[in-house]
């Protein structure tokens, strides 16, 4: 497919045709099919959530490596 589009780009350039979104649309389906979120969107999503309660274990080692305790679900 990339080779085909590269050849079409060469042809379009020779004809002084603009190789843009509309031109590409003749050959491949374009558009936004994004199902997930970008990294920054996840950051905003989690910033808007309330803080999760942490349960201290009473074992210093576990509390230190788990940043104060284990998180519990809502």
C-alpha atoms as a PDB file:
ATOM      1  CA  UNK A   1       0.000   0.000   0.000  1.00  0.00           C
ATOM      2  CA  UNK A   2       2.809   2.431   0.831  1.00  0.00           C
ATOM      3  CA  UNK A   3       4.480   1.781  -2.502  1.00  0.00           C
ATOM      4  CA  UNK A   4       1.179   2.383  -4.292  1.00  0.00           C
ATOM      5  CA  UNK A   5       0.658   5.683  -2.456  1.00  0.00           C
ATOM      6  CA  UNK A   6       4.253   6.704  -3.172  1.00  0.00           C
ATOM      7  CA  UNK A   7       3.668   6.119  -6.890  1.00  0.00           C
ATOM      8  CA  UNK A   8       0.429   8.114  -6.712  1.00  0.00           C
ATOM      9  CA  UNK A   9       2.348  10.931  -5.017  1.00  0.00           C
ATOM     10  CA  UNK A  10       4.854  10.950  -7.867  1.00  0.00           C
ATOM     11  CA  UNK A  11       2.033  11.094 -10.429  1.00  0.00           C
ATOM     12  CA  UNK A  12       0.268  13.857  -8.519  1.00  0.00           C
ATOM     13  CA  UNK A  13       3.476  15.865  -8.264  1.00  0.00           C
ATOM     14  CA  UNK A  14       4.042  15.624 -12.015  1.00  0.00           C
ATOM     15  CA  UNK A  15       0.486  16.882 -12.619  1.00  0.00           C
ATOM     16  CA  UNK A  16       0.908  19.642  -9.986  1.00  0.00           C
ATOM     17  CA  UNK A  17      -1.955  18.079  -8.068  1.00  0.00           C
ATOM     18  CA  UNK A  18      -2.126  18.615  -4.333  1.00  0.00           C
ATOM     19  CA  UNK A  19      -1.568  15.399  -2.416  1.00  0.00           C
ATOM     20  CA  UNK A  20      -3.726  16.115   0.619  1.00  0.00           C
ATOM     21  CA  UNK A  21      -6.406  14.551   2.800  1.00  0.00           C
ATOM     22  CA  UNK A  22      -9.005  14.605   0.004  1.00  0.00           C
ATOM     23  CA  UNK A  23      -6.578  13.123  -2.515  1.00  0.00           C
ATOM     24  CA  UNK A  24      -5.626  10.327  -0.124  1.00  0.00           C
ATOM     25  CA  UNK A  25      -9.305   9.683   0.574  1.00  0.00           C
ATOM     26  CA  UNK A  26      -9.645   8.385  -2.991  1.00  0.00           C
ATOM     27  CA  UNK A  27      -7.259   5.537  -2.194  1.00  0.00           C
ATOM     28  CA  UNK A  28      -7.583   4.730   1.500  1.00  0.00           C
ATOM     29  CA  UNK A  29     -10.152   5.252   4.219  1.00  0.00           C
ATOM     30  CA  UNK A  30      -9.061   8.152   6.380  1.00  0.00           C
ATOM     31  CA  UNK A  31     -10.502   9.390   9.608  1.00  0.00           C
ATOM     32  CA  UNK A  32     -10.239   9.087  13.310  1.00  0.00           C
ATOM     33  CA  UNK A  33     -10.786   5.555  14.559  1.00  0.00           C
ATOM     34  CA  UNK A  34      -9.180   6.118  17.918  1.00  0.00           C
ATOM     35  CA  UNK A  35     -10.693   3.909  20.625  1.00  0.00           C
ATOM     36  CA  UNK A  36      -8.356   4.810  23.460  1.00  0.00           C
ATOM     37  CA  UNK A  37      -7.101   7.938  25.161  1.00  0.00           C
ATOM     38  CA  UNK A  38      -3.831   9.775  24.761  1.00  0.00           C
ATOM     39  CA  UNK A  39      -1.408   9.763  27.684  1.00  0.00           C
ATOM     40  CA  UNK A  40      -2.266  13.357  28.643  1.00  0.00           C
ATOM     41  CA  UNK A  41      -5.997  12.524  28.565  1.00  0.00           C
ATOM     42  CA  UNK A  42      -5.431   9.706  31.065  1.00  0.00           C
ATOM     43  CA  UNK A  43      -3.497  12.156  33.251  1.00  0.00           C
ATOM     44  CA  UNK A  44      -6.428  14.583  33.257  1.00  0.00           C
ATOM     45  CA  UNK A  45      -8.858  11.728  33.874  1.00  0.00           C
ATOM     46  CA  UNK A  46      -7.013  10.529  36.980  1.00  0.00           C
ATOM     47  CA  UNK A  47      -6.458  14.072  38.293  1.00  0.00           C
ATOM     48  CA  UNK A  48     -10.220  14.564  38.341  1.00  0.00           C
ATOM     49  CA  UNK A  49     -10.782  11.394  40.387  1.00  0.00           C
ATOM     50  CA  UNK A  50     -10.921  11.549  44.194  1.00  0.00           C
ATOM     51  CA  UNK A  51      -7.908  10.315  46.124  1.00  0.00           C
ATOM     52  CA  UNK A  52      -7.972   6.597  46.862  1.00  0.00           C
ATOM     53  CA  UNK A  53      -7.791   5.555  50.501  1.00  0.00           C
ATOM     54  CA  UNK A  54      -4.611   3.749  51.527  1.00  0.00           C
ATOM     55  CA  UNK A  55      -4.561   1.072  54.187  1.00  0.00           C
ATOM     56  CA  UNK A  56      -1.361   1.021  56.238  1.00  0.00           C
ATOM     57  CA  UNK A  57      -0.026  -2.459  56.857  1.00  0.00           C
ATOM     58  CA  UNK A  58       1.943  -1.624  59.970  1.00  0.00           C
ATOM     59  CA  UNK A  59       4.975  -3.238  58.347  1.00  0.00           C
ATOM     60  CA  UNK A  60       7.450  -0.443  57.667  1.00  0.00           C
ATOM     61  CA  UNK A  61       9.030  -2.139  54.659  1.00  0.00           C
ATOM     62  CA  UNK A  62       5.685  -2.671  52.871  1.00  0.00           C
ATOM     63  CA  UNK A  63       4.400   0.786  53.743  1.00  0.00           C
ATOM     64  CA  UNK A  64       7.599   2.376  52.405  1.00  0.00           C
ATOM     65  CA  UNK A  65       7.635   0.543  49.070  1.00  0.00           C
ATOM     66  CA  UNK A  66       3.890   1.007  48.564  1.00  0.00           C
ATOM     67  CA  UNK A  67       4.045   4.757  49.275  1.00  0.00           C
ATOM     68  CA  UNK A  68       2.150   4.573  52.539  1.00  0.00           C
ATOM     69  CA  UNK A  69       0.051   1.450  52.203  1.00  0.00           C
ATOM     70  CA  UNK A  70      -2.188  -0.476  49.862  1.00  0.00           C
ATOM     71  CA  UNK A  71      -4.912   1.287  47.888  1.00  0.00           C
ATOM     72  CA  UNK A  72      -8.446   0.011  48.193  1.00  0.00           C
ATOM     73  CA  UNK A  73     -11.167   0.252  45.569  1.00  0.00           C
ATOM     74  CA  UNK A  74     -14.111   2.645  45.776  1.00  0.00           C
END
